Amino acid sequence: MNPWPVDDFITCWQCHGRSHDAWERRGKRTLLRCNYCGTGEWVYNAPDPPQDTVFRMTEGRFSGMSLEQIDKQPNGRRYLEHIRDTHATLREVVSRYLAALQ
């Protein structure tokens, strides 16, 4: 299962951070993992996973945004080019997006 961002939804009980990814859903409960300390906790009423199949960033300043949304931000294209050149795990998906624009 791919995690989906749940930023600003719940404060981490361990480090008090407010950036989580949802990892698993069981009935009405959702397993959240803190992006700062990695602590996991089960919570009720977490947002549903996105229903679209568009790639979305799961961390950083553009967490939850699609590549198209990032591209529309000030300096968004430069950010995507930087990710393509430096981030091994996202290089392929960002390269395909940028190549499709040309």
Protein backbone atom coordinates (compact mmCIF):
# COMPACT_ATOMS: atom_id res chain seq x y z
CA MET A 1 0.00 0.00 0.00
CA ASN A 2 1.28 3.47 -0.82
CA PRO A 3 1.13 6.03 1.98
CA TRP A 4 -0.87 9.20 1.52
CA PRO A 5 -0.13 12.54 3.22
CA VAL A 6 -2.18 13.63 6.19
CA ASP A 7 -0.30 16.82 7.07
CA ASP A 8 -1.55 19.10 9.85
CA PHE A 9 -4.18 16.56 10.83
CA ILE A 10 -2.91 15.26 14.16
CA THR A 11 -0.05 16.19 16.48
CA CYS A 12 2.43 13.38 17.12
CA TRP A 13 2.32 12.27 20.74
CA GLN A 14 6.09 11.63 20.74
CA CYS A 15 7.68 14.70 19.07
CA HIS A 16 4.61 16.97 18.61
CA GLY A 17 5.25 17.19 14.84
CA ARG A 18 2.30 17.78 12.53
CA SER A 19 3.35 15.92 9.38
CA HIS A 20 2.13 12.36 8.94
CA ASP A 21 1.62 9.79 6.22
CA ALA A 22 -1.26 7.32 6.49
CA TRP A 23 -0.07 3.75 5.93
CA GLU A 24 -2.95 1.40 6.53
CA ARG A 25 -6.68 1.46 7.06
CA ARG A 26 -8.68 -0.99 9.18
CA GLY A 27 -12.34 -0.13 9.40
CA LYS A 28 -12.62 3.38 10.82
CA ARG A 29 -9.02 3.44 12.11
CA THR A 30 -5.95 4.56 10.17
CA LEU A 31 -2.30 3.92 10.99
CA LEU A 32 -0.34 7.18 10.81
CA ARG A 33 3.46 7.47 10.83
CA CYS A 34 5.12 10.72 11.86
CA ASN A 35 7.45 12.09 9.17
CA TYR A 36 9.76 13.53 11.83
CA CYS A 37 10.31 10.74 14.37
CA GLY A 38 8.66 7.73 12.68
CA THR A 39 6.27 7.03 15.55
CA GLY A 40 3.14 5.17 14.47
CA GLU A 41 -0.30 5.50 16.00
CA TRP A 42 -3.81 4.39 15.15
CA VAL A 43 -6.33 7.22 14.86
CA TYR A 44 -10.00 7.57 13.98
CA ASN A 45 -11.39 9.81 11.23
CA ALA A 46 -8.19 10.24 9.21
CA PRO A 47 -8.75 11.46 5.63
CA ASP A 48 -9.40 8.84 2.98
CA PRO A 49 -6.62 7.98 0.55
CA PRO A 50 -6.70 9.97 -2.70
CA GLN A 51 -8.88 8.28 -5.33
CA ASP A 52 -6.97 9.55 -8.34
CA THR A 53 -3.97 7.81 -9.85
CA VAL A 54 -1.88 10.96 -10.19
CA PHE A 55 1.53 10.82 -8.51
CA ARG A 56 1.66 13.07 -5.44
CA MET A 57 4.63 14.07 -3.31
CA THR A 58 4.54 12.46 0.12
CA GLU A 59 7.10 14.62 1.89
CA GLY A 60 8.64 18.05 1.89
CA ARG A 61 7.18 21.44 1.24
CA PHE A 62 4.97 20.21 -1.64
CA SER A 63 3.58 17.18 0.19
CA GLY A 64 0.23 16.10 -1.24
CA MET A 65 0.67 18.04 -4.48
CA SER A 66 0.83 16.55 -7.97
CA LEU A 67 3.77 17.34 -10.25
CA GLU A 68 1.49 19.58 -12.31
CA GLN A 69 0.51 21.56 -9.21
CA ILE A 70 4.16 21.90 -8.19
CA ASP A 71 5.06 23.07 -11.70
CA LYS A 72 2.56 25.95 -11.36
CA GLN A 73 4.16 27.22 -8.14
CA PRO A 74 6.75 30.01 -8.17
CA ASN A 75 10.08 28.27 -8.96
CA GLY A 76 8.18 24.98 -9.26
CA ARG A 77 9.89 24.03 -12.53
CA ARG A 78 13.31 24.66 -10.99
CA TYR A 79 12.33 22.48 -8.02
CA LEU A 80 11.25 19.64 -10.32
CA GLU A 81 14.49 19.90 -12.29
CA HIS A 82 16.44 19.78 -9.03
CA ILE A 83 14.53 16.67 -7.92
CA ARG A 84 15.19 15.04 -11.31
CA ASP A 85 18.91 15.71 -10.97
CA THR A 86 19.40 14.81 -7.31
CA HIS A 87 16.68 12.49 -5.97
CA ALA A 88 17.30 8.89 -7.02
CA THR A 89 13.88 7.50 -6.05
CA LEU A 90 11.86 10.23 -7.80
CA ARG A 91 14.13 10.76 -10.80
CA GLU A 92 12.17 8.54 -13.18
CA VAL A 93 8.66 9.89 -12.50
CA VAL A 94 9.83 13.53 -12.61
CA SER A 95 11.87 12.93 -15.78
CA ARG A 96 8.82 11.45 -17.52
CA TYR A 97 6.69 14.42 -16.47
CA LEU A 98 9.22 16.99 -17.69
CA ALA A 99 9.84 15.11 -20.97
CA ALA A 100 6.10 15.06 -21.69
CA LEU A 101 6.02 18.88 -21.47
CA GLN A 102 8.56 19.34 -24.26
